Amino acid sequence: MTVSVVLFTSDLRVHDHPPLRAAAEGAHEVVPLFVRDPAVDRAGFAAPNRLAFLADCLADLDQGLADRGGRLVVRDGDPVAEVRAVVRQVQADEVHVAAGHSAFAQARQERLRHALEADGCRVYVHDAVTTVVPPGDVTPQGSDHYAVFTPYYRRWCDEPVRRPFPAPRVVRVPTEVRSEKLPVRTAVPGVSPGLAVGGESEGRKRLASWLSRHVDTYEDLHDDLAGDATSRLSPYLHFGALSPVEAVHRARTRGGAGAEAFIRQLCWRDFYQQVLAARPGTAADDYRPRHDGWRRDADARADLQAWREGRTGYPIVDASMRQLAHEGWMHNRGRLITASFLTKTLYIDWREGARHFLDLLVDGDVANNQLNWQWVAGTGTDTRPNRVLNPVRQALRYDPDGDFVHRWVPELADLPAPAVHQPWNLTGLDRARYDYPDPLVGLADGLARFRQAREAG
């Protein structure tokens, strides 16, 4: 009787799962395995919101396997050692795993190959599981990756996309393989109170609902902060509880400008994955160095703390930061505004902002988080590295009635728009009514400081 092992990583689902499908079709029994790696904790990626969401995803994955006669096996320890132990116990012939594209994931794959093939066990690494188009499949002439999004998007749209696979009907798991207890969300301290529910079932339900009810208005409303018209599917895509391939197919079936705008956002995920795969060092280092002399003195540290707490004196910035703290998620327009404010107006290192986002974002992803921060900071792939987003203009454009600020900055709840976006213009007793800080810096002063620093760099 043949046995295969499926190592789940960032692909926590049973639908459209090429490694699980290949294992179920090629062997009599399958060991669906997830290994909680302490190296993830040591690297600082095991933040409370992601641990809680992960617990939901693992529980849902276990239920999805149970519905097909199987179960999820959970182990603690080094993934290579744990996989090797399971392989030896059940005498598995094959191990299937989804391709990862970070330096960490690539190193894990190579270690798996080296360790298991020495034991006579074949390792299959499957592409197009966590991305639509695998990194390296679309490259410009003379380079191993695209450095600019638009030409990549054109080529990406022309690439054939495989059809989504149905979930296997039956998954038979050897009874002798032990498992640790599944983690539970309630055991994780420090979770944001408004954190979404994780898991494939929830992700698929949200995708179906959003495509049927909201995608048609996405192109026009996706930047509307108060309207909250984005899909909110990024956490499910990050954990692989939702297949990006299936999302693209279902959106194309729906059709229309809104669906195309949504697909473009999925392409951005692939774009950053192919940048990171080709340049893994950009997780910490500037993709395009600008020789910035970032502020690091005591005043900068105080400004950074005020930014983290949503007390900068700029309501649209503070509202977005408070949404992040409460939900473990932030609207994409808010991410752009807050990142620009930190790096360009306060002139603080993008790595400080990226670290805080990774501490809280449930969809915190090395490729998308770090490279989006670099895009805004002007050290990444943006073709206009010195662009600065004016938070007041952004607020007036994307929160014209002040509803988003009213929701998250309750001390300004009775201040109407447009005054709510510029409360420092109030005078006398009117201003004293509001327990709200003065701006950390004037926008003109911040802009002048940034430009002078970039010219010096």
Protein backbone atom coordinates (compact mmCIF):
# COMPACT_ATOMS: atom_id res chain seq x y z
CA MET A 1 0.00 0.00 0.00
CA THR A 2 1.51 3.33 -1.07
CA VAL A 3 1.54 6.42 1.16
CA SER A 4 2.23 10.07 0.32
CA VAL A 5 2.72 13.07 2.59
CA VAL A 6 1.34 16.53 1.89
CA LEU A 7 3.14 19.31 3.74
CA PHE A 8 0.77 22.26 4.15
CA THR A 9 2.39 25.67 4.53
CA SER A 10 0.65 28.77 3.17
CA ASP A 11 -2.03 26.73 1.38
CA LEU A 12 -4.55 25.80 4.06
CA ARG A 13 -7.45 24.50 1.98
CA VAL A 14 -8.82 21.38 0.30
CA HIS A 15 -10.27 23.01 -2.85
CA ASP A 16 -7.94 23.71 -5.77
CA HIS A 17 -4.96 22.22 -3.98
CA PRO A 18 -2.55 20.61 -6.50
CA PRO A 19 -0.31 18.90 -3.88
CA LEU A 20 -3.29 17.28 -2.12
CA ARG A 21 -4.85 16.27 -5.42
CA ALA A 22 -1.61 14.68 -6.68
CA ALA A 23 -1.07 12.82 -3.41
CA ALA A 24 -4.66 11.53 -3.22
CA GLU A 25 -4.59 10.33 -6.83
CA GLY A 26 -1.14 8.76 -6.63
CA ALA A 27 -1.28 6.87 -3.33
CA HIS A 28 -3.66 4.70 -1.33
CA GLU A 29 -3.19 6.80 1.81
CA VAL A 30 -2.18 10.39 2.48
CA VAL A 31 -0.76 12.14 5.54
CA PRO A 32 -1.91 15.80 5.48
CA LEU A 33 0.74 17.43 7.67
CA PHE A 34 1.19 20.90 9.13
CA VAL A 35 4.30 21.68 11.16
CA ARG A 36 4.42 24.60 13.58
CA ASP A 37 7.98 25.80 13.07
CA PRO A 38 9.64 27.58 16.04
CA ALA A 39 11.85 29.42 13.55
CA VAL A 40 8.75 31.41 12.55
CA ASP A 41 8.44 32.57 16.16
CA ARG A 42 12.13 33.47 16.37
CA ALA A 43 11.88 35.48 13.15
CA GLY A 44 9.05 37.57 14.61
CA PHE A 45 6.35 36.44 12.17
CA ALA A 46 4.15 34.64 14.70
CA ALA A 47 2.13 37.73 15.63
CA PRO A 48 -1.05 37.23 17.71
CA ASN A 49 -3.50 38.15 14.94
CA ARG A 50 -1.94 35.74 12.49
CA LEU A 51 -1.69 32.99 15.10
CA ALA A 52 -5.40 33.37 15.88
CA PHE A 53 -6.36 33.39 12.21
CA LEU A 54 -4.06 30.40 11.63
CA ALA A 55 -5.87 28.48 14.38
CA ASP A 56 -9.17 29.10 12.58
CA CYS A 57 -7.65 27.98 9.27
CA LEU A 58 -6.22 24.78 10.72
CA ALA A 59 -9.49 23.88 12.41
CA ASP A 60 -11.39 24.45 9.18
CA LEU A 61 -8.83 22.47 7.18
CA ASP A 62 -9.13 19.60 9.66
CA GLN A 63 -12.92 19.68 9.22
CA GLY A 64 -12.60 19.77 5.45
CA LEU A 65 -10.40 16.68 5.57
CA ALA A 66 -12.73 14.99 8.08
CA ASP A 67 -15.62 15.50 5.67
CA ARG A 68 -13.62 13.35 3.25
CA GLY A 69 -12.69 10.69 5.77
CA GLY A 70 -9.35 12.18 6.78
CA ARG A 71 -7.80 14.45 9.38
CA LEU A 72 -5.02 16.98 9.72
CA VAL A 73 -1.80 15.91 11.43
CA VAL A 74 -0.16 18.74 13.37
CA ARG A 75 3.39 18.59 14.68
CA ASP A 76 5.70 21.02 16.47
CA GLY A 77 9.35 21.36 15.49
CA ASP A 78 11.62 21.67 12.51
CA PRO A 79 9.56 20.93 9.36
CA VAL A 80 12.25 18.86 7.70
CA ALA A 81 12.80 16.69 10.76
CA GLU A 82 9.07 16.21 11.33
CA VAL A 83 8.36 15.37 7.69
CA ARG A 84 11.26 12.94 7.67
CA ALA A 85 9.95 11.24 10.81
CA VAL A 86 6.49 10.81 9.29
CA VAL A 87 7.95 9.56 6.00
CA ARG A 88 9.96 6.92 7.80
CA GLN A 89 7.04 5.86 10.00
CA VAL A 90 4.62 5.28 7.13
CA GLN A 91 7.30 4.44 4.53
CA ALA A 92 6.03 7.18 2.23
CA ASP A 93 7.21 7.24 -1.36
CA GLU A 94 6.45 10.90 -2.07
CA VAL A 95 6.13 14.27 -0.35
CA HIS A 96 4.11 17.03 -1.99
CA VAL A 97 4.45 20.71 -1.08
CA ALA A 98 3.41 24.03 -2.60
CA ALA A 99 6.23 26.19 -3.93
CA GLY A 100 7.21 29.05 -1.63
CA HIS A 101 9.04 32.09 -2.90
CA SER A 102 10.65 33.78 0.11
CA ALA A 103 14.25 32.98 1.03
CA PHE A 104 12.91 31.09 4.05
CA ALA A 105 10.54 28.96 1.97
CA GLN A 106 13.11 28.24 -0.73
CA ALA A 107 15.65 27.14 1.87
CA ARG A 108 13.06 24.83 3.45
CA GLN A 109 12.31 23.24 0.07
CA GLU A 110 15.98 22.58 -0.62
CA ARG A 111 16.47 21.08 2.83
CA LEU A 112 13.46 18.82 2.23
CA ARG A 113 14.85 17.62 -1.08
CA HIS A 114 18.29 16.97 0.35
CA ALA A 115 17.04 15.10 3.42
CA LEU A 116 14.26 13.04 1.87
CA GLU A 117 15.76 12.09 -1.45
CA ALA A 118 18.71 10.68 0.48
CA ASP A 119 16.11 8.35 2.03
CA GLY A 120 14.69 7.44 -1.37
CA CYS A 121 11.58 9.61 -1.00
CA ARG A 122 10.71 11.89 -3.92
CA VAL A 123 9.81 15.53 -3.20
CA TYR A 124 7.37 17.26 -5.56
CA VAL A 125 7.16 21.07 -5.37
CA HIS A 126 3.97 22.35 -7.01
CA ASP A 127 3.69 25.76 -8.67
CA ALA A 128 0.59 27.95 -9.05
CA VAL A 129 -0.75 27.12 -5.58
CA THR A 130 -0.12 30.38 -3.72
CA THR A 131 0.20 32.48 -6.89
CA VAL A 132 -1.62 32.60 -10.20
CA VAL A 133 1.53 32.74 -12.33
CA PRO A 134 4.67 31.27 -10.74
CA PRO A 135 7.65 33.60 -10.30
CA GLY A 136 10.03 33.23 -13.21
CA ASP A 137 7.38 32.21 -15.73
CA VAL A 138 7.05 35.79 -16.95
CA THR A 139 10.34 37.64 -17.39
CA PRO A 140 11.55 40.51 -19.57
CA GLN A 141 14.41 40.09 -21.99
CA GLY A 142 17.73 40.32 -20.21
CA SER A 143 16.42 40.05 -16.64
CA ASP A 144 15.12 37.44 -14.23
CA HIS A 145 12.14 39.54 -13.12
CA TYR A 146 10.04 42.58 -13.92
CA ALA A 147 10.91 45.72 -11.96
CA VAL A 148 7.87 47.73 -13.15
CA PHE A 149 4.30 46.58 -12.67
CA THR A 150 2.52 47.70 -15.87
CA PRO A 151 4.59 45.68 -18.39
CA TYR A 152 4.43 42.72 -16.03
CA TYR A 153 0.64 43.03 -15.86
CA ARG A 154 0.35 42.99 -19.66
CA ARG A 155 2.39 39.80 -19.91
CA TRP A 156 0.67 38.26 -16.89
CA CYS A 157 -2.75 38.74 -18.48
CA ASP A 158 -1.62 36.79 -21.54
CA GLU A 159 -0.41 33.80 -19.53
CA PRO A 160 -2.62 30.68 -19.55
CA VAL A 161 -4.06 29.95 -16.12
CA ARG A 162 -4.69 26.34 -15.14
CA ARG A 163 -8.23 25.28 -14.30
CA PRO A 164 -9.07 25.02 -10.58
CA PHE A 165 -9.18 21.49 -9.17
CA PRO A 166 -12.10 20.19 -7.12
CA ALA A 167 -11.45 18.98 -3.60
CA PRO A 168 -10.64 15.25 -3.44
CA ARG A 169 -13.65 13.08 -2.67
CA VAL A 170 -11.79 10.85 -0.23
CA VAL A 171 -8.66 11.32 1.87
CA ARG A 172 -7.50 8.20 3.72
CA VAL A 173 -5.02 8.86 6.52
CA PRO A 174 -2.96 6.12 8.22
CA THR A 175 -4.36 5.59 11.70
CA GLU A 176 -0.97 5.14 13.37
CA VAL A 177 0.27 8.69 12.71
CA ARG A 178 -0.04 10.80 15.85
CA SER A 179 -0.96 14.47 15.94
CA GLU A 180 -0.62 17.29 18.43
CA LYS A 181 -3.77 19.10 19.43
CA LEU A 182 -5.02 21.76 17.08
CA PRO A 183 -4.38 25.33 18.30
CA VAL A 184 -7.41 27.40 19.23
CA ARG A 185 -7.96 31.13 18.75
CA THR A 186 -9.07 31.68 22.34
CA ALA A 187 -5.67 30.56 23.64
CA VAL A 188 -3.85 33.36 21.78
CA PRO A 189 -3.32 36.53 23.87
CA GLY A 190 -3.27 40.04 22.44
CA VAL A 191 -5.59 39.48 19.48
CA SER A 192 -7.27 42.51 17.91
CA PRO A 193 -10.92 42.60 19.04
CA GLY A 194 -12.29 43.01 15.53
CA LEU A 195 -10.20 40.29 13.87
CA ALA A 196 -12.05 38.42 11.11
CA VAL A 197 -12.82 34.70 11.30
CA GLY A 198 -10.32 32.57 9.41
CA GLY A 199 -10.60 29.39 7.39
CA GLU A 200 -11.39 28.14 3.90
CA SER A 201 -15.15 27.92 4.51
CA GLU A 202 -15.31 31.58 5.50
CA GLY A 203 -13.01 32.64 2.67
CA ARG A 204 -15.04 30.86 -0.01
CA LYS A 205 -18.27 32.25 1.41
CA ARG A 206 -16.86 35.79 1.34
CA LEU A 207 -15.56 35.41 -2.21
CA ALA A 208 -18.93 34.17 -3.49
CA SER A 209 -20.84 36.92 -1.70
CA TRP A 210 -18.50 39.68 -2.82
CA LEU A 211 -18.43 38.59 -6.46
CA SER A 212 -22.22 38.41 -6.60
CA ARG A 213 -22.99 41.63 -4.73
CA HIS A 214 -20.06 44.06 -4.79
CA VAL A 215 -17.51 43.41 -7.51
CA ASP A 216 -19.41 45.41 -10.14
CA THR A 217 -18.80 48.64 -8.19
CA TYR A 218 -15.22 47.79 -7.20
CA GLU A 219 -13.48 49.86 -9.87
CA ASP A 220 -15.35 53.01 -8.79
CA LEU A 221 -15.43 52.46 -5.03
CA HIS A 222 -12.31 50.53 -4.05
CA ASP A 223 -10.62 53.70 -2.71
CA ASP A 224 -13.68 54.84 -0.74
CA LEU A 225 -12.49 54.56 2.86
CA ALA A 226 -15.88 54.84 4.53
CA GLY A 227 -17.63 52.68 1.92
CA ASP A 228 -15.22 49.80 2.61
CA ALA A 229 -15.85 48.34 -0.85
CA THR A 230 -12.72 46.20 -0.99
CA SER A 231 -13.06 42.42 -0.93
CA ARG A 232 -11.23 41.92 2.41
CA LEU A 233 -9.98 38.62 1.01
CA SER A 234 -6.27 39.32 1.57
CA PRO A 235 -6.01 37.31 4.83
CA TYR A 236 -7.54 34.24 3.17
CA LEU A 237 -5.17 34.58 0.22
CA HIS A 238 -2.20 35.06 2.55
CA PHE A 239 -2.92 31.83 4.42
CA GLY A 240 -3.90 29.99 1.26
CA ALA A 241 -7.40 29.41 2.63
CA LEU A 242 -8.50 30.76 -0.74
CA SER A 243 -6.95 29.87 -4.09
CA PRO A 244 -5.82 32.88 -6.16
CA VAL A 245 -6.24 30.75 -9.29
CA GLU A 246 -9.86 30.04 -8.43
CA ALA A 247 -10.43 33.71 -7.56
CA VAL A 248 -9.16 34.78 -10.99
CA HIS A 249 -11.31 32.22 -12.81
CA ARG A 250 -14.45 33.17 -10.90
CA ALA A 251 -13.84 36.88 -11.41
CA ARG A 252 -13.28 36.40 -15.15
CA THR A 253 -16.48 34.39 -15.32
CA ARG A 254 -18.28 37.28 -13.67
CA GLY A 255 -16.70 39.78 -16.06
CA GLY A 256 -16.92 43.56 -16.17
CA ALA A 257 -14.67 46.46 -15.22
CA GLY A 258 -14.95 45.74 -11.51
CA ALA A 259 -13.82 42.16 -11.95
CA GLU A 260 -10.86 43.28 -14.05
CA ALA A 261 -9.87 45.80 -11.38
CA PHE A 262 -10.01 43.02 -8.80
CA ILE A 263 -7.90 40.73 -10.99
CA ARG A 264 -5.35 43.52 -11.32
CA GLN A 265 -4.95 43.49 -7.53
CA LEU A 266 -4.34 39.74 -7.65
CA CYS A 267 -1.66 40.44 -10.23
CA TRP A 268 0.03 42.85 -7.80
CA ARG A 269 0.42 39.89 -5.39
CA ASP A 270 2.18 37.87 -8.08
CA PHE A 271 4.28 40.86 -9.10
CA TYR A 272 5.74 41.25 -5.64
CA GLN A 273 6.24 37.51 -5.28
CA GLN A 274 8.36 37.45 -8.44
CA VAL A 275 10.39 40.44 -7.22
CA LEU A 276 11.03 38.77 -3.86
CA ALA A 277 11.87 35.42 -5.46
CA ALA A 278 14.49 37.09 -7.63
CA ARG A 279 15.75 39.50 -4.95
CA PRO A 280 15.13 37.87 -1.54
CA GLY A 281 17.26 40.50 0.18
CA THR A 282 14.58 43.12 -0.46
CA ALA A 283 12.69 41.79 2.54
CA ALA A 284 15.08 43.95 4.57
CA ASP A 285 17.17 46.00 2.14
CA ASP A 286 16.28 48.77 -0.29
CA TYR A 287 15.43 47.47 -3.75
CA ARG A 288 16.63 50.79 -5.18
CA PRO A 289 18.76 52.56 -2.56
CA ARG A 290 18.21 56.30 -2.19
CA HIS A 291 20.92 56.69 0.49
CA ASP A 292 18.37 58.02 2.95
CA GLY A 293 19.54 59.43 6.25
CA TRP A 294 16.37 58.47 8.09
CA ARG A 295 15.57 60.30 11.32
CA ARG A 296 16.58 58.19 14.34
CA ASP A 297 16.81 60.67 17.23
CA ALA A 298 14.56 60.95 20.29
CA ASP A 299 12.10 63.19 18.45
CA ALA A 300 11.81 60.62 15.67
CA ARG A 301 11.16 57.85 18.19
CA ALA A 302 8.42 59.92 19.77
CA ASP A 303 6.89 60.61 16.36
CA LEU A 304 7.02 56.91 15.51
CA GLN A 305 5.20 56.03 18.73
CA ALA A 306 2.52 58.66 18.06
CA TRP A 307 2.06 57.23 14.56
CA ARG A 308 1.68 53.72 15.99
CA GLU A 309 -0.94 54.92 18.47
CA GLY A 310 -2.94 56.96 15.95
CA ARG A 311 -2.12 60.29 17.62
CA THR A 312 -0.34 62.17 14.83
CA GLY A 313 -2.79 65.07 14.65
CA TYR A 314 -3.83 64.10 11.12
CA PRO A 315 -7.27 62.45 11.43
CA ILE A 316 -7.13 60.32 8.28
CA VAL A 317 -3.77 58.87 9.36
CA ASP A 318 -4.97 58.28 12.91
CA ALA A 319 -8.23 56.70 11.80
CA SER A 320 -6.36 54.22 9.62
CA MET A 321 -3.90 53.32 12.36
CA ARG A 322 -6.73 52.76 14.83
CA GLN A 323 -8.53 50.55 12.35
CA LEU A 324 -5.35 48.48 12.11
CA ALA A 325 -5.14 48.11 15.88
CA HIS A 326 -8.81 47.11 16.21
CA GLU A 327 -9.22 44.81 13.20
CA GLY A 328 -5.72 43.60 12.39
CA TRP A 329 -6.46 44.88 8.91
CA MET A 330 -6.35 48.24 7.14
CA HIS A 331 -8.00 49.56 3.99
CA ASN A 332 -5.51 49.67 1.12
CA ARG A 333 -5.89 53.42 0.64
CA GLY A 334 -5.22 53.84 4.36
CA ARG A 335 -2.05 51.77 4.01
CA LEU A 336 -0.78 54.10 1.31
CA ILE A 337 -1.63 57.24 3.28
CA THR A 338 -0.12 56.07 6.57
CA ALA A 339 3.02 54.71 4.92
CA SER A 340 3.59 57.90 2.96
CA PHE A 341 3.08 59.96 6.10
CA LEU A 342 5.65 57.95 8.06
CA THR A 343 8.32 57.77 5.37
CA LYS A 344 7.88 61.05 3.52
CA THR A 345 6.30 63.50 5.99
CA LEU A 346 7.99 62.23 9.17
CA TYR A 347 11.01 60.86 7.26
CA ILE A 348 11.23 57.68 9.33
CA ASP A 349 12.67 54.45 7.95
CA TRP A 350 10.15 52.30 6.08
CA ARG A 351 11.40 49.25 8.01
CA GLU A 352 9.95 50.70 11.21
CA GLY A 353 6.53 50.96 9.61
CA ALA A 354 6.76 47.56 7.96
CA ARG A 355 7.65 45.98 11.30
CA HIS A 356 4.63 47.54 13.01
CA PHE A 357 2.34 46.41 10.20
CA LEU A 358 3.69 42.86 10.49
CA ASP A 359 3.03 42.97 14.22
CA LEU A 360 -0.68 43.58 13.59
CA LEU A 361 -1.73 42.75 10.03
CA VAL A 362 -3.49 39.41 9.74
CA ASP A 363 -2.52 39.43 6.06
CA GLY A 364 1.07 40.39 6.93
CA ASP A 365 3.06 38.96 4.05
CA VAL A 366 6.79 39.42 3.52
CA ALA A 367 6.51 40.11 -0.22
CA ASN A 368 3.46 42.34 -0.23
CA ASN A 369 4.09 44.14 3.04
CA GLN A 370 7.79 44.88 2.62
CA LEU A 371 7.64 45.73 -1.07
CA ASN A 372 4.52 47.87 -0.75
CA TRP A 373 6.30 49.80 1.98
CA GLN A 374 9.30 50.21 -0.29
CA TRP A 375 7.04 51.33 -3.15
CA VAL A 376 5.63 54.11 -0.96
CA ALA A 377 9.03 55.02 0.51
CA GLY A 378 10.48 55.38 -2.96
CA THR A 379 13.11 52.69 -2.44
CA GLY A 380 11.16 50.02 -4.32
CA THR A 381 9.54 49.64 -7.73
CA ASP A 382 7.67 52.97 -7.90
CA THR A 383 8.70 54.91 -10.99
CA ARG A 384 8.06 58.16 -9.08
CA PRO A 385 10.16 57.62 -5.95
CA ASN A 386 9.70 61.15 -4.57
CA ARG A 387 5.91 61.31 -4.71
CA VAL A 388 4.31 62.39 -1.42
CA LEU A 389 0.67 61.76 -0.54
CA ASN A 390 -0.82 64.81 1.16
CA PRO A 391 -3.03 63.34 3.94
CA VAL A 392 -5.48 66.24 3.89
CA ARG A 393 -6.04 66.03 0.15
CA GLN A 394 -6.31 62.27 0.39
CA ALA A 395 -8.90 62.63 3.15
CA LEU A 396 -10.98 65.15 1.23
CA ARG A 397 -10.91 62.92 -1.83
CA TYR A 398 -11.46 59.48 -0.29
CA ASP A 399 -13.45 60.38 2.85
CA PRO A 400 -15.30 63.53 1.70
CA ASP A 401 -18.08 63.29 4.29
CA GLY A 402 -15.71 62.39 7.12
CA ASP A 403 -17.51 59.12 7.88
CA PHE A 404 -14.31 57.06 8.09
CA VAL A 405 -12.68 59.51 10.48
CA HIS A 406 -15.87 59.79 12.55
CA ARG A 407 -15.90 55.99 12.91
CA TRP A 408 -12.33 55.62 14.17
CA VAL A 409 -11.57 58.98 15.82
CA PRO A 410 -14.58 59.38 18.11
CA GLU A 411 -13.18 62.50 19.77
CA LEU A 412 -13.92 64.28 16.46
CA ALA A 413 -17.27 62.56 15.84
CA ASP A 414 -19.36 65.73 15.99
CA LEU A 415 -17.01 67.80 13.83
CA PRO A 416 -18.44 67.89 10.29
CA ALA A 417 -16.49 67.54 7.07
CA PRO A 418 -14.39 69.13 5.75
CA ALA A 419 -13.35 70.62 9.13
CA VAL A 420 -12.88 67.14 10.60
CA HIS A 421 -9.90 66.61 8.30
CA GLN A 422 -8.17 69.81 9.48
CA PRO A 423 -9.12 70.29 13.15
CA TRP A 424 -6.05 72.46 13.77
CA ASN A 425 -7.82 75.26 11.89
CA LEU A 426 -10.30 75.59 14.74
CA THR A 427 -9.67 78.43 17.16
CA GLY A 428 -10.36 79.28 20.78
CA LEU A 429 -13.08 77.41 22.63
CA ASP A 430 -14.01 75.34 19.57
CA ARG A 431 -10.60 73.73 19.54
CA ALA A 432 -10.54 73.21 23.28
CA ARG A 433 -13.63 71.00 23.00
CA TYR A 434 -11.68 68.24 21.29
CA ASP A 435 -9.17 66.00 23.05
CA TYR A 436 -7.07 65.68 19.96
CA PRO A 437 -3.34 66.39 19.47
CA ASP A 438 -1.74 69.06 17.36
CA PRO A 439 -0.03 67.85 14.17
CA LEU A 440 3.40 66.35 14.73
CA VAL A 441 4.72 68.47 11.88
CA GLY A 442 3.33 70.91 9.35
CA LEU A 443 2.89 69.35 5.93
CA ALA A 444 4.98 72.04 4.22
CA ASP A 445 7.76 71.55 6.78
CA GLY A 446 7.68 67.79 6.41
CA LEU A 447 7.78 68.04 2.62
CA ALA A 448 10.72 70.47 2.71
CA ARG A 449 12.64 68.19 5.09
CA PHE A 450 12.04 65.16 2.88
CA ARG A 451 13.10 66.90 -0.31
CA GLN A 452 16.23 68.29 1.30
CA ALA A 453 17.13 64.87 2.66
CA ARG A 454 16.60 63.12 -0.69
CA GLU A 455 18.67 65.74 -2.50
CA ALA A 456 21.45 65.30 0.05
CA GLY A 457 21.23 61.52 -0.30
